[in-house]
Amino acid sequence: MVNKPTILIVDDAPDNIHILMNLLKDDYKVKAATSGAKALTLLNSGDNPDLILLDVIMPEMDGYQVCQEIKANPKTSDIPIIFVTANNQVEDEEAGFSLGAVDYLTKPVSPSIVRARVRTHLALHQQHQTLESMVLERTKELESTRLDIVRKLARAGEYKDNTTGMHIERIAWFARIVARKMNLSEKWCELLFHASPMHDIGKIGIPDRILLKPGKLDNEEWQEMKRHTEYGAQIIGDDGTPLLKMAREIALNHHEKWDGSGYPNGISGEEIPLSARIVAIVDVYDALTSQRPYKSSWDQQQTLELIQSESGRHFDPEIVDVFLGSITEIQKVQTELQ
């Protein structure tokens, strides 16, 4: 048995809902909401309809406002919306289309027109989803290749600074754990997972006498070492793909500090991209708890106290709280990826 598409009718007049339900109930599963707020609550529950018939003139929240809310939410933005209203001026239709509606029906509705428009827009929506699926499938191989290249380039940077071991792998896992705990979208979390290993790719441009020096760097050497952030941004370039765009912003900004005392540009607070703010914490944590030729590893308690003390100075306070709340998961991954 083929599942019927679901239509959501949003109208404050029960009579109007009754009319539309009777027109559509034989061919579709029909739901109703008597206000914009109730419609949004229904949509937020996650049981999304295939199409929405939305009245414009409603108390408290009109149809235009409801449409804006729906289109602003990534989880509902793709649902086709047909406005159903007594307003029939050209400017009313233009307002509806500008907000993302696919059609405009005028009351009193014509049964044949309602059925035809609903059928047409459901078919167009299904066709759009099919085409998106085809494009997604055809780009999987390209995306896989791109990710492989990014990983290999990050690995090249690791070979230049081969004392870091599994550092780049741990950074990727730590960053994704923190991002997920912040309830960021899974798509964004995956971008962060694949982009964060590139954070130190700029070390390729640092001379070995500085990068591999076992002792403390002098001022001139330290100024050159700090340039790895800029070198990294230059290596990644201005590619417009989301993955490389995020990789570039991390490479350039992961040594910026919340209070503005970082480098290379001394930006502060939310001026620092969120991706770089997350990587900043996990990078410091992993660096401190790892042994290097020029230093011994810190113990966990000492490291966590340092990170807590730097909340609001080096690190975003919100991310510090999430990081500390995720430490059990992070330590488990750290043990597995020694």
C-alpha atoms as a PDB file:
ATOM      1  CA  MET A   1       0.000   0.000   0.000  1.00  0.00           C
ATOM      2  CA  VAL A   2       1.406   3.391  -1.047  1.00  0.00           C
ATOM      3  CA  ASN A   3       1.533   5.981   1.733  1.00  0.00           C
ATOM      4  CA  LYS A   4      -0.597   9.005   1.022  1.00  0.00           C
ATOM      5  CA  PRO A   5       1.125  12.401   1.045  1.00  0.00           C
ATOM      6  CA  THR A   6       0.305  14.552   4.078  1.00  0.00           C
ATOM      7  CA  ILE A   7      -1.298  17.990   3.735  1.00  0.00           C
ATOM      8  CA  LEU A   8      -1.310  20.480   6.621  1.00  0.00           C
ATOM      9  CA  ILE A   9      -4.124  23.055   6.555  1.00  0.00           C
ATOM     10  CA  VAL A  10      -3.541  26.178   8.665  1.00  0.00           C
ATOM     11  CA  ASP A  11      -6.614  28.409   9.089  1.00  0.00           C
ATOM     12  CA  ASP A  12      -8.272  30.062  12.082  1.00  0.00           C
ATOM     13  CA  ALA A  13     -11.775  29.408  10.625  1.00  0.00           C
ATOM     14  CA  PRO A  14     -13.015  25.828  11.243  1.00  0.00           C
ATOM     15  CA  ASP A  15     -15.420  26.107   8.293  1.00  0.00           C
ATOM     16  CA  ASN A  16     -12.544  26.767   5.896  1.00  0.00           C
ATOM     17  CA  ILE A  17     -10.614  23.814   7.303  1.00  0.00           C
ATOM     18  CA  HIS A  18     -13.688  21.611   6.903  1.00  0.00           C
ATOM     19  CA  ILE A  19     -14.105  22.615   3.237  1.00  0.00           C
ATOM     20  CA  LEU A  20     -10.469  21.911   2.352  1.00  0.00           C
ATOM     21  CA  MET A  21     -10.440  18.641   4.296  1.00  0.00           C
ATOM     22  CA  ASN A  22     -13.466  17.379   2.391  1.00  0.00           C
ATOM     23  CA  LEU A  23     -11.796  18.274  -0.903  1.00  0.00           C
ATOM     24  CA  LEU A  24      -8.559  16.458  -0.102  1.00  0.00           C
ATOM     25  CA  LYS A  25      -9.263  13.632   2.365  1.00  0.00           C
ATOM     26  CA  ASP A  26      -9.841  10.950  -0.285  1.00  0.00           C
ATOM     27  CA  ASP A  27      -6.405  11.371  -1.833  1.00  0.00           C
ATOM     28  CA  TYR A  28      -4.285  12.649   1.031  1.00  0.00           C
ATOM     29  CA  LYS A  29      -3.694  12.364   4.748  1.00  0.00           C
ATOM     30  CA  VAL A  30      -4.912  15.723   6.060  1.00  0.00           C
ATOM     31  CA  LYS A  31      -3.946  17.517   9.266  1.00  0.00           C
ATOM     32  CA  ALA A  32      -5.124  20.897  10.537  1.00  0.00           C
ATOM     33  CA  ALA A  33      -3.993  23.713  12.818  1.00  0.00           C
ATOM     34  CA  THR A  34      -6.219  26.627  13.813  1.00  0.00           C
ATOM     35  CA  SER A  35      -3.391  29.121  14.356  1.00  0.00           C
ATOM     36  CA  GLY A  36       0.128  29.860  13.203  1.00  0.00           C
ATOM     37  CA  ALA A  37       1.562  29.019  16.615  1.00  0.00           C
ATOM     38  CA  LYS A  38      -0.130  25.609  16.626  1.00  0.00           C
ATOM     39  CA  ALA A  39       1.163  24.919  13.126  1.00  0.00           C
ATOM     40  CA  LEU A  40       4.737  25.720  14.157  1.00  0.00           C
ATOM     41  CA  THR A  41       4.412  23.519  17.240  1.00  0.00           C
ATOM     42  CA  LEU A  42       3.202  20.675  15.042  1.00  0.00           C
ATOM     43  CA  LEU A  43       6.113  21.166  12.653  1.00  0.00           C
ATOM     44  CA  ASN A  44       8.610  21.315  15.510  1.00  0.00           C
ATOM     45  CA  SER A  45       7.453  17.872  16.609  1.00  0.00           C
ATOM     46  CA  GLY A  46       9.278  16.521  13.551  1.00  0.00           C
ATOM     47  CA  ASP A  47       6.282  15.010  11.742  1.00  0.00           C
ATOM     48  CA  ASN A  48       6.500  17.216   8.662  1.00  0.00           C
ATOM     49  CA  PRO A  49       3.778  17.347   6.001  1.00  0.00           C
ATOM     50  CA  ASP A  50       4.480  17.148   2.275  1.00  0.00           C
ATOM     51  CA  LEU A  51       2.656  20.424   1.581  1.00  0.00           C
ATOM     52  CA  ILE A  52       1.045  23.263   3.583  1.00  0.00           C
ATOM     53  CA  LEU A  53      -2.119  25.205   2.748  1.00  0.00           C
ATOM     54  CA  LEU A  54      -1.712  28.405   4.734  1.00  0.00           C
ATOM     55  CA  ASP A  55      -4.271  31.119   5.420  1.00  0.00           C
ATOM     56  CA  VAL A  56      -2.888  34.668   5.399  1.00  0.00           C
ATOM     57  CA  ILE A  57      -5.303  36.593   7.611  1.00  0.00           C
ATOM     58  CA  MET A  58      -5.095  35.096  11.100  1.00  0.00           C
ATOM     59  CA  PRO A  59      -4.985  36.717  14.552  1.00  0.00           C
ATOM     60  CA  GLU A  60      -1.743  37.040  16.549  1.00  0.00           C
ATOM     61  CA  MET A  61       0.472  35.543  13.821  1.00  0.00           C
ATOM     62  CA  ASP A  62      -0.538  35.996  10.184  1.00  0.00           C
ATOM     63  CA  GLY A  63       0.330  33.631   7.372  1.00  0.00           C
ATOM     64  CA  TYR A  64       3.273  35.688   6.180  1.00  0.00           C
ATOM     65  CA  GLN A  65       4.910  35.460   9.607  1.00  0.00           C
ATOM     66  CA  VAL A  66       4.257  31.727   9.758  1.00  0.00           C
ATOM     67  CA  CYS A  67       5.784  31.294   6.310  1.00  0.00           C
ATOM     68  CA  GLN A  68       8.901  33.219   7.376  1.00  0.00           C
ATOM     69  CA  GLU A  69       9.314  30.971  10.413  1.00  0.00           C
ATOM     70  CA  ILE A  70       8.907  27.822   8.329  1.00  0.00           C
ATOM     71  CA  LYS A  71      11.373  28.939   5.669  1.00  0.00           C
ATOM     72  CA  ALA A  72      13.929  30.062   8.265  1.00  0.00           C
ATOM     73  CA  ASN A  73      14.057  26.606   9.837  1.00  0.00           C
ATOM     74  CA  PRO A  74      16.329  24.193   7.915  1.00  0.00           C
ATOM     75  CA  LYS A  75      14.143  21.284   9.019  1.00  0.00           C
ATOM     76  CA  THR A  76      11.035  22.729   7.357  1.00  0.00           C
ATOM     77  CA  SER A  77      12.329  25.140   4.730  1.00  0.00           C
ATOM     78  CA  ASP A  78      11.784  22.724   1.826  1.00  0.00           C
ATOM     79  CA  ILE A  79       8.066  22.160   2.486  1.00  0.00           C
ATOM     80  CA  PRO A  80       5.985  23.734  -0.330  1.00  0.00           C
ATOM     81  CA  ILE A  81       3.549  26.378   0.940  1.00  0.00           C
ATOM     82  CA  ILE A  82       0.398  27.487  -0.882  1.00  0.00           C
ATOM     83  CA  PHE A  83      -1.275  30.593   0.506  1.00  0.00           C
ATOM     84  CA  VAL A  84      -5.074  30.440   0.679  1.00  0.00           C
ATOM     85  CA  THR A  85      -6.636  33.842   1.303  1.00  0.00           C
ATOM     86  CA  ALA A  86      -9.350  36.327   0.461  1.00  0.00           C
ATOM     87  CA  ASN A  87      -6.676  38.878  -0.439  1.00  0.00           C
ATOM     88  CA  ASN A  88      -6.391  38.954  -4.218  1.00  0.00           C
ATOM     89  CA  GLN A  89      -4.322  42.033  -4.904  1.00  0.00           C
ATOM     90  CA  VAL A  90      -1.144  41.693  -6.971  1.00  0.00           C
ATOM     91  CA  GLU A  91       0.957  43.062  -4.123  1.00  0.00           C
ATOM     92  CA  ASP A  92      -0.424  40.361  -1.809  1.00  0.00           C
ATOM     93  CA  GLU A  93       0.660  37.654  -4.226  1.00  0.00           C
ATOM     94  CA  GLU A  94       4.085  39.256  -4.638  1.00  0.00           C
ATOM     95  CA  ALA A  95       4.514  39.341  -0.857  1.00  0.00           C
ATOM     96  CA  GLY A  96       3.676  35.650  -0.631  1.00  0.00           C
ATOM     97  CA  PHE A  97       6.032  34.600  -3.412  1.00  0.00           C
ATOM     98  CA  SER A  98       8.849  36.738  -2.007  1.00  0.00           C
ATOM     99  CA  LEU A  99       8.633  34.758   1.245  1.00  0.00           C
ATOM    100  CA  GLY A 100       9.030  31.451  -0.561  1.00  0.00           C
ATOM    101  CA  ALA A 101       5.445  30.323  -1.234  1.00  0.00           C
ATOM    102  CA  VAL A 102       4.962  28.227  -4.361  1.00  0.00           C
ATOM    103  CA  ASP A 103       1.373  29.296  -5.162  1.00  0.00           C
ATOM    104  CA  TYR A 104      -1.529  31.526  -4.174  1.00  0.00           C
ATOM    105  CA  LEU A 105      -5.201  30.473  -4.033  1.00  0.00           C
ATOM    106  CA  THR A 106      -8.032  32.979  -3.569  1.00  0.00           C
ATOM    107  CA  LYS A 107     -11.105  32.346  -1.424  1.00  0.00           C
ATOM    108  CA  PRO A 108     -13.748  31.164  -2.033  1.00  0.00           C
ATOM    109  CA  VAL A 109     -11.729  28.286  -3.398  1.00  0.00           C
ATOM    110  CA  SER A 110     -12.578  26.296  -6.495  1.00  0.00           C
ATOM    111  CA  PRO A 111     -12.483  22.533  -5.703  1.00  0.00           C
ATOM    112  CA  SER A 112     -10.973  21.605  -9.060  1.00  0.00           C
ATOM    113  CA  ILE A 113      -8.298  24.302  -8.821  1.00  0.00           C
ATOM    114  CA  VAL A 114      -7.365  23.298  -5.251  1.00  0.00           C
ATOM    115  CA  ARG A 115      -6.972  19.637  -6.244  1.00  0.00           C
ATOM    116  CA  ALA A 116      -5.008  20.516  -9.382  1.00  0.00           C
ATOM    117  CA  ARG A 117      -2.625  22.918  -7.616  1.00  0.00           C
ATOM    118  CA  VAL A 118      -2.002  20.525  -4.736  1.00  0.00           C
ATOM    119  CA  ARG A 119      -1.375  17.649  -7.130  1.00  0.00           C
ATOM    120  CA  THR A 120       0.952  19.749  -9.292  1.00  0.00           C
ATOM    121  CA  HIS A 121       3.063  21.108  -6.433  1.00  0.00           C
ATOM    122  CA  LEU A 122       3.367  17.733  -4.753  1.00  0.00           C
ATOM    123  CA  ALA A 123       4.604  16.296  -8.053  1.00  0.00           C
ATOM    124  CA  LEU A 124       7.076  19.159  -8.500  1.00  0.00           C
ATOM    125  CA  HIS A 125       8.320  18.739  -4.934  1.00  0.00           C
ATOM    126  CA  GLN A 126       8.791  15.009  -5.412  1.00  0.00           C
ATOM    127  CA  GLN A 127      10.633  15.643  -8.678  1.00  0.00           C
ATOM    128  CA  HIS A 128      12.865  18.179  -6.931  1.00  0.00           C
ATOM    129  CA  GLN A 129      13.671  15.683  -4.163  1.00  0.00           C
ATOM    130  CA  THR A 130      14.446  12.979  -6.753  1.00  0.00           C
ATOM    131  CA  LEU A 131      16.794  15.286  -8.640  1.00  0.00           C
ATOM    132  CA  GLU A 132      18.516  16.300  -5.392  1.00  0.00           C
ATOM    133  CA  SER A 133      18.971  12.638  -4.540  1.00  0.00           C
ATOM    134  CA  MET A 134      20.501  11.959  -7.945  1.00  0.00           C
ATOM    135  CA  VAL A 135      22.873  14.909  -7.637  1.00  0.00           C
ATOM    136  CA  LEU A 136      23.848  13.805  -4.129  1.00  0.00           C
ATOM    137  CA  GLU A 137      24.558  10.289  -5.337  1.00  0.00           C
ATOM    138  CA  ARG A 138      26.648  11.492  -8.257  1.00  0.00           C
ATOM    139  CA  THR A 139      28.716  13.805  -6.086  1.00  0.00           C
ATOM    140  CA  LYS A 140      29.508  11.206  -3.423  1.00  0.00           C
ATOM    141  CA  GLU A 141      32.558   9.985  -5.297  1.00  0.00           C
ATOM    142  CA  LEU A 142      33.814  13.536  -5.834  1.00  0.00           C
ATOM    143  CA  GLU A 143      33.254  14.383  -2.165  1.00  0.00           C
ATOM    144  CA  SER A 144      35.030  11.217  -1.096  1.00  0.00           C
ATOM    145  CA  THR A 145      37.992  12.142  -3.294  1.00  0.00           C
ATOM    146  CA  ARG A 146      38.063  15.668  -1.873  1.00  0.00           C
ATOM    147  CA  LEU A 147      38.045  14.361   1.703  1.00  0.00           C
ATOM    148  CA  ASP A 148      40.833  11.947   0.853  1.00  0.00           C
ATOM    149  CA  ILE A 149      42.948  14.786  -0.552  1.00  0.00           C
ATOM    150  CA  VAL A 150      42.313  16.919   2.546  1.00  0.00           C
ATOM    151  CA  ARG A 151      43.364  14.050   4.828  1.00  0.00           C
ATOM    152  CA  LYS A 152      46.506  13.379   2.803  1.00  0.00           C
ATOM    153  CA  LEU A 153      47.452  17.060   2.853  1.00  0.00           C
ATOM    154  CA  ALA A 154      46.917  17.166   6.619  1.00  0.00           C
ATOM    155  CA  ARG A 155      49.032  14.023   6.924  1.00  0.00           C
ATOM    156  CA  ALA A 156      51.779  15.721   4.901  1.00  0.00           C
ATOM    157  CA  GLY A 157      51.861  18.483   7.496  1.00  0.00           C
ATOM    158  CA  GLU A 158      52.053  15.886  10.242  1.00  0.00           C
ATOM    159  CA  TYR A 159      55.057  14.212   8.606  1.00  0.00           C
ATOM    160  CA  LYS A 160      56.811  17.591   8.628  1.00  0.00           C
ATOM    161  CA  ASP A 161      56.202  17.777  12.375  1.00  0.00           C
ATOM    162  CA  ASN A 162      56.269  14.034  12.996  1.00  0.00           C
ATOM    163  CA  THR A 163      56.435  14.269  16.788  1.00  0.00           C
ATOM    164  CA  THR A 164      52.690  14.952  16.883  1.00  0.00           C
ATOM    165  CA  GLY A 165      51.789  11.312  16.169  1.00  0.00           C
ATOM    166  CA  MET A 166      48.017  10.886  16.003  1.00  0.00           C
ATOM    167  CA  HIS A 167      47.422  14.527  16.940  1.00  0.00           C
ATOM    168  CA  ILE A 168      45.397  15.443  13.870  1.00  0.00           C
ATOM    169  CA  GLU A 169      43.146  12.394  14.240  1.00  0.00           C
ATOM    170  CA  ARG A 170      42.453  13.168  17.875  1.00  0.00           C
ATOM    171  CA  ILE A 171      41.708  16.818  17.111  1.00  0.00           C
ATOM    172  CA  ALA A 172      39.069  15.764  14.577  1.00  0.00           C
ATOM    173  CA  TRP A 173      37.330  13.442  17.027  1.00  0.00           C
ATOM    174  CA  PHE A 174      37.554  15.841  19.976  1.00  0.00           C
ATOM    175  CA  ALA A 175      36.157  18.730  17.922  1.00  0.00           C
ATOM    176  CA  ARG A 176      33.208  16.692  16.682  1.00  0.00           C
ATOM    177  CA  ILE A 177      32.379  15.512  20.210  1.00  0.00           C
ATOM    178  CA  VAL A 178      32.258  19.126  21.434  1.00  0.00           C
ATOM    179  CA  ALA A 179      30.247  20.342  18.426  1.00  0.00           C
ATOM    180  CA  ARG A 180      27.645  17.617  18.880  1.00  0.00           C
ATOM    181  CA  LYS A 181      27.302  18.457  22.581  1.00  0.00           C
ATOM    182  CA  MET A 182      26.596  22.054  21.486  1.00  0.00           C
ATOM    183  CA  ASN A 183      23.645  20.709  19.443  1.00  0.00           C
ATOM    184  CA  LEU A 184      25.079  21.995  16.178  1.00  0.00           C
ATOM    185  CA  SER A 185      23.723  20.399  13.018  1.00  0.00           C
ATOM    186  CA  GLU A 186      25.148  17.021  12.086  1.00  0.00           C
ATOM    187  CA  LYS A 187      26.189  18.391   8.695  1.00  0.00           C
ATOM    188  CA  TRP A 188      28.212  21.150  10.393  1.00  0.00           C
ATOM    189  CA  CYS A 189      29.729  18.656  12.857  1.00  0.00           C
ATOM    190  CA  GLU A 190      30.880  16.463   9.969  1.00  0.00           C
ATOM    191  CA  LEU A 191      32.410  19.457   8.190  1.00  0.00           C
ATOM    192  CA  LEU A 192      34.304  20.268  11.377  1.00  0.00           C
ATOM    193  CA  PHE A 193      35.454  16.646  11.679  1.00  0.00           C
ATOM    194  CA  HIS A 194      36.940  16.688   8.186  1.00  0.00           C
ATOM    195  CA  ALA A 195      38.258  20.275   8.228  1.00  0.00           C
ATOM    196  CA  SER A 196      39.935  20.380  11.650  1.00  0.00           C
ATOM    197  CA  PRO A 197      42.880  18.072  10.725  1.00  0.00           C
ATOM    198  CA  MET A 198      44.066  20.899   8.464  1.00  0.00           C
ATOM    199  CA  HIS A 199      44.546  23.302  11.387  1.00  0.00           C
ATOM    200  CA  ASP A 200      48.367  23.104  11.363  1.00  0.00           C
ATOM    201  CA  ILE A 201      48.960  22.529   7.652  1.00  0.00           C
ATOM    202  CA  GLY A 202      50.839  25.858   7.572  1.00  0.00           C
ATOM    203  CA  LYS A 203      53.724  24.253   9.478  1.00  0.00           C
ATOM    204  CA  ILE A 204      54.828  22.946   6.090  1.00  0.00           C
ATOM    205  CA  GLY A 205      56.118  26.493   5.525  1.00  0.00           C
ATOM    206  CA  ILE A 206      58.105  26.707   8.770  1.00  0.00           C
ATOM    207  CA  PRO A 207      61.859  25.924   8.476  1.00  0.00           C
ATOM    208  CA  ASP A 208      62.927  22.681  10.186  1.00  0.00           C
ATOM    209  CA  ARG A 209      65.492  24.523  12.319  1.00  0.00           C
ATOM    210  CA  ILE A 210      62.545  26.291  13.991  1.00  0.00           C
ATOM    211  CA  LEU A 211      59.824  23.665  13.814  1.00  0.00           C
ATOM    212  CA  LEU A 212      61.998  20.846  15.139  1.00  0.00           C
ATOM    213  CA  LYS A 213      64.102  22.880  17.554  1.00  0.00           C
ATOM    214  CA  PRO A 214      64.197  20.994  20.868  1.00  0.00           C
ATOM    215  CA  GLY A 215      64.735  24.098  22.985  1.00  0.00           C
ATOM    216  CA  LYS A 216      62.822  27.324  23.514  1.00  0.00           C
ATOM    217  CA  LEU A 217      62.403  29.566  20.476  1.00  0.00           C
ATOM    218  CA  ASP A 218      63.908  33.031  20.528  1.00  0.00           C
ATOM    219  CA  ASN A 219      61.741  36.019  19.627  1.00  0.00           C
ATOM    220  CA  GLU A 220      62.597  35.995  15.922  1.00  0.00           C
ATOM    221  CA  GLU A 221      61.949  32.252  15.679  1.00  0.00           C
ATOM    222  CA  TRP A 222      58.671  32.581  17.553  1.00  0.00           C
ATOM    223  CA  GLN A 223      57.465  35.314  15.193  1.00  0.00           C
ATOM    224  CA  GLU A 224      58.178  32.991  12.273  1.00  0.00           C
ATOM    225  CA  MET A 225      56.469  30.054  14.000  1.00  0.00           C
ATOM    226  CA  LYS A 226      53.307  32.131  14.473  1.00  0.00           C
ATOM    227  CA  ARG A 227      53.124  32.628  10.723  1.00  0.00           C
ATOM    228  CA  HIS A 228      52.059  29.004  10.269  1.00  0.00           C
ATOM    229  CA  THR A 229      48.474  30.239  10.648  1.00  0.00           C
ATOM    230  CA  GLU A 230      48.848  32.542   7.645  1.00  0.00           C
ATOM    231  CA  TYR A 231      50.775  29.941   5.658  1.00  0.00           C
ATOM    232  CA  GLY A 232      47.963  27.472   6.311  1.00  0.00           C
ATOM    233  CA  ALA A 233      45.332  29.883   5.025  1.00  0.00           C
ATOM    234  CA  GLN A 234      47.439  30.527   1.921  1.00  0.00           C
ATOM    235  CA  ILE A 235      47.947  26.806   1.248  1.00  0.00           C
ATOM    236  CA  ILE A 236      44.219  26.060   1.508  1.00  0.00           C
ATOM    237  CA  GLY A 237      43.344  29.164  -0.494  1.00  0.00           C
ATOM    238  CA  ASP A 238      39.962  30.753  -1.127  1.00  0.00           C
ATOM    239  CA  ASP A 239      38.154  27.670  -2.427  1.00  0.00           C
ATOM    240  CA  GLY A 240      34.397  28.197  -2.141  1.00  0.00           C
ATOM    241  CA  THR A 241      33.496  24.682  -1.004  1.00  0.00           C
ATOM    242  CA  PRO A 242      32.164  24.528   2.582  1.00  0.00           C
ATOM    243  CA  LEU A 243      34.834  22.001   3.612  1.00  0.00           C
ATOM    244  CA  LEU A 244      37.859  24.005   2.470  1.00  0.00           C
ATOM    245  CA  LYS A 245      36.293  27.279   3.568  1.00  0.00           C
ATOM    246  CA  MET A 246      36.001  25.905   7.108  1.00  0.00           C
ATOM    247  CA  ALA A 247      39.488  24.375   6.927  1.00  0.00           C
ATOM    248  CA  ARG A 248      40.895  27.783   5.988  1.00  0.00           C
ATOM    249  CA  GLU A 249      39.120  29.645   8.801  1.00  0.00           C
ATOM    250  CA  ILE A 250      40.387  27.078  11.320  1.00  0.00           C
ATOM    251  CA  ALA A 251      43.962  27.181  10.027  1.00  0.00           C
ATOM    252  CA  LEU A 252      44.000  30.983  10.154  1.00  0.00           C
ATOM    253  CA  ASN A 253      42.186  31.530  13.453  1.00  0.00           C
ATOM    254  CA  HIS A 254      42.797  28.617  15.832  1.00  0.00           C
ATOM    255  CA  HIS A 255      45.428  30.615  17.758  1.00  0.00           C
ATOM    256  CA  GLU A 256      43.186  33.651  18.215  1.00  0.00           C
ATOM    257  CA  LYS A 257      42.031  34.198  21.803  1.00  0.00           C
ATOM    258  CA  TRP A 258      38.656  35.139  23.239  1.00  0.00           C
ATOM    259  CA  ASP A 259      40.136  38.294  24.859  1.00  0.00           C
ATOM    260  CA  GLY A 260      41.840  39.433  21.646  1.00  0.00           C
ATOM    261  CA  SER A 261      45.416  38.647  22.682  1.00  0.00           C
ATOM    262  CA  GLY A 262      45.957  35.860  20.133  1.00  0.00           C
ATOM    263  CA  TYR A 263      47.391  35.817  16.632  1.00  0.00           C
ATOM    264  CA  PRO A 264      47.652  36.491  13.713  1.00  0.00           C
ATOM    265  CA  ASN A 265      45.006  39.262  13.708  1.00  0.00           C
ATOM    266  CA  GLY A 266      44.137  39.802  17.371  1.00  0.00           C
ATOM    267  CA  ILE A 267      40.396  39.349  16.852  1.00  0.00           C
ATOM    268  CA  SER A 268      38.242  38.534  19.870  1.00  0.00           C
ATOM    269  CA  GLY A 269      34.990  36.969  21.075  1.00  0.00           C
ATOM    270  CA  GLU A 270      32.527  35.903  18.418  1.00  0.00           C
ATOM    271  CA  GLU A 271      34.628  37.581  15.739  1.00  0.00           C
ATOM    272  CA  ILE A 272      36.600  34.336  15.898  1.00  0.00           C
ATOM    273  CA  PRO A 273      34.810  31.685  13.806  1.00  0.00           C
ATOM    274  CA  LEU A 274      33.061  29.068  15.929  1.00  0.00           C
ATOM    275  CA  SER A 275      35.011  26.269  14.243  1.00  0.00           C
ATOM    276  CA  ALA A 276      38.319  27.873  15.270  1.00  0.00           C
ATOM    277  CA  ARG A 277      37.088  28.483  18.823  1.00  0.00           C
ATOM    278  CA  ILE A 278      36.309  24.795  19.219  1.00  0.00           C
ATOM    279  CA  VAL A 279      39.613  23.671  17.703  1.00  0.00           C
ATOM    280  CA  ALA A 280      41.517  26.133  19.911  1.00  0.00           C
ATOM    281  CA  ILE A 281      40.444  24.289  23.068  1.00  0.00           C
ATOM    282  CA  VAL A 282      40.900  20.734  21.834  1.00  0.00           C
ATOM    283  CA  ASP A 283      44.259  21.614  20.269  1.00  0.00           C
ATOM    284  CA  VAL A 284      45.604  23.037  23.526  1.00  0.00           C
ATOM    285  CA  TYR A 285      44.230  20.087  25.490  1.00  0.00           C
ATOM    286  CA  ASP A 286      45.883  17.540  23.215  1.00  0.00           C
ATOM    287  CA  ALA A 287      49.163  19.474  23.030  1.00  0.00           C
ATOM    288  CA  LEU A 288      49.437  19.750  26.807  1.00  0.00           C
ATOM    289  CA  THR A 289      48.602  16.105  27.478  1.00  0.00           C
ATOM    290  CA  SER A 290      51.016  14.848  24.794  1.00  0.00           C
ATOM    291  CA  GLN A 291      54.748  14.408  25.260  1.00  0.00           C
ATOM    292  CA  ARG A 292      57.006  16.371  22.911  1.00  0.00           C
ATOM    293  CA  PRO A 293      60.839  16.510  22.588  1.00  0.00           C
ATOM    294  CA  TYR A 294      60.863  19.904  24.263  1.00  0.00           C
ATOM    295  CA  LYS A 295      58.387  19.113  27.087  1.00  0.00           C
ATOM    296  CA  SER A 296      56.821  16.407  29.210  1.00  0.00           C
ATOM    297  CA  SER A 297      53.103  15.719  29.082  1.00  0.00           C
ATOM    298  CA  TRP A 298      50.847  17.346  31.678  1.00  0.00           C
ATOM    299  CA  ASP A 299      48.502  15.218  33.775  1.00  0.00           C
ATOM    300  CA  GLN A 300      44.769  15.444  33.148  1.00  0.00           C
ATOM    301  CA  GLN A 301      43.875  17.421  36.260  1.00  0.00           C
ATOM    302  CA  GLN A 302      46.566  20.021  35.646  1.00  0.00           C
ATOM    303  CA  THR A 303      45.426  20.428  32.034  1.00  0.00           C
ATOM    304  CA  LEU A 304      41.737  20.763  32.888  1.00  0.00           C
ATOM    305  CA  GLU A 305      42.501  23.337  35.582  1.00  0.00           C
ATOM    306  CA  LEU A 306      44.474  25.367  33.044  1.00  0.00           C
ATOM    307  CA  ILE A 307      41.630  25.252  30.526  1.00  0.00           C
ATOM    308  CA  GLN A 308      39.124  26.275  33.213  1.00  0.00           C
ATOM    309  CA  SER A 309      41.341  29.163  34.297  1.00  0.00           C
ATOM    310  CA  GLU A 310      41.576  30.391  30.685  1.00  0.00           C
ATOM    311  CA  SER A 311      37.787  30.539  30.251  1.00  0.00           C
ATOM    312  CA  GLY A 312      36.949  34.070  29.091  1.00  0.00           C
ATOM    313  CA  ARG A 313      40.600  34.822  28.345  1.00  0.00           C
ATOM    314  CA  HIS A 314      42.012  32.306  25.899  1.00  0.00           C
ATOM    315  CA  PHE A 315      38.812  30.326  25.338  1.00  0.00           C
ATOM    316  CA  ASP A 316      35.108  30.912  24.696  1.00  0.00           C
ATOM    317  CA  PRO A 317      33.475  30.328  28.130  1.00  0.00           C
ATOM    318  CA  GLU A 318      30.509  28.463  26.638  1.00  0.00           C
ATOM    319  CA  ILE A 319      32.772  26.041  24.791  1.00  0.00           C
ATOM    320  CA  VAL A 320      34.901  25.511  27.899  1.00  0.00           C
ATOM    321  CA  ASP A 321      31.787  24.374  29.781  1.00  0.00           C
ATOM    322  CA  VAL A 322      30.814  21.998  26.971  1.00  0.00           C
ATOM    323  CA  PHE A 323      34.364  20.677  26.690  1.00  0.00           C
ATOM    324  CA  LEU A 324      34.625  19.965  30.413  1.00  0.00           C
ATOM    325  CA  GLY A 325      31.238  18.276  30.289  1.00  0.00           C
ATOM    326  CA  SER A 326      32.498  16.060  27.463  1.00  0.00           C
ATOM    327  CA  ILE A 327      35.804  15.100  29.022  1.00  0.00           C
ATOM    328  CA  THR A 328      34.907  11.442  29.674  1.00  0.00           C
ATOM    329  CA  GLU A 329      34.186  10.890  25.970  1.00  0.00           C
ATOM    330  CA  ILE A 330      37.273  12.857  24.966  1.00  0.00           C
ATOM    331  CA  GLN A 331      39.563  10.882  27.266  1.00  0.00           C
ATOM    332  CA  LYS A 332      38.174   7.621  25.879  1.00  0.00           C
ATOM    333  CA  VAL A 333      39.015   8.689  22.307  1.00  0.00           C
ATOM    334  CA  GLN A 334      42.419   9.945  23.453  1.00  0.00           C
ATOM    335  CA  THR A 335      43.237   6.516  24.894  1.00  0.00           C
ATOM    336  CA  GLU A 336      42.130   4.754  21.698  1.00  0.00           C
ATOM    337  CA  LEU A 337      44.147   7.072  19.439  1.00  0.00           C
ATOM    338  CA  GLN A 338      47.460   7.202  21.281  1.00  0.00           C
END
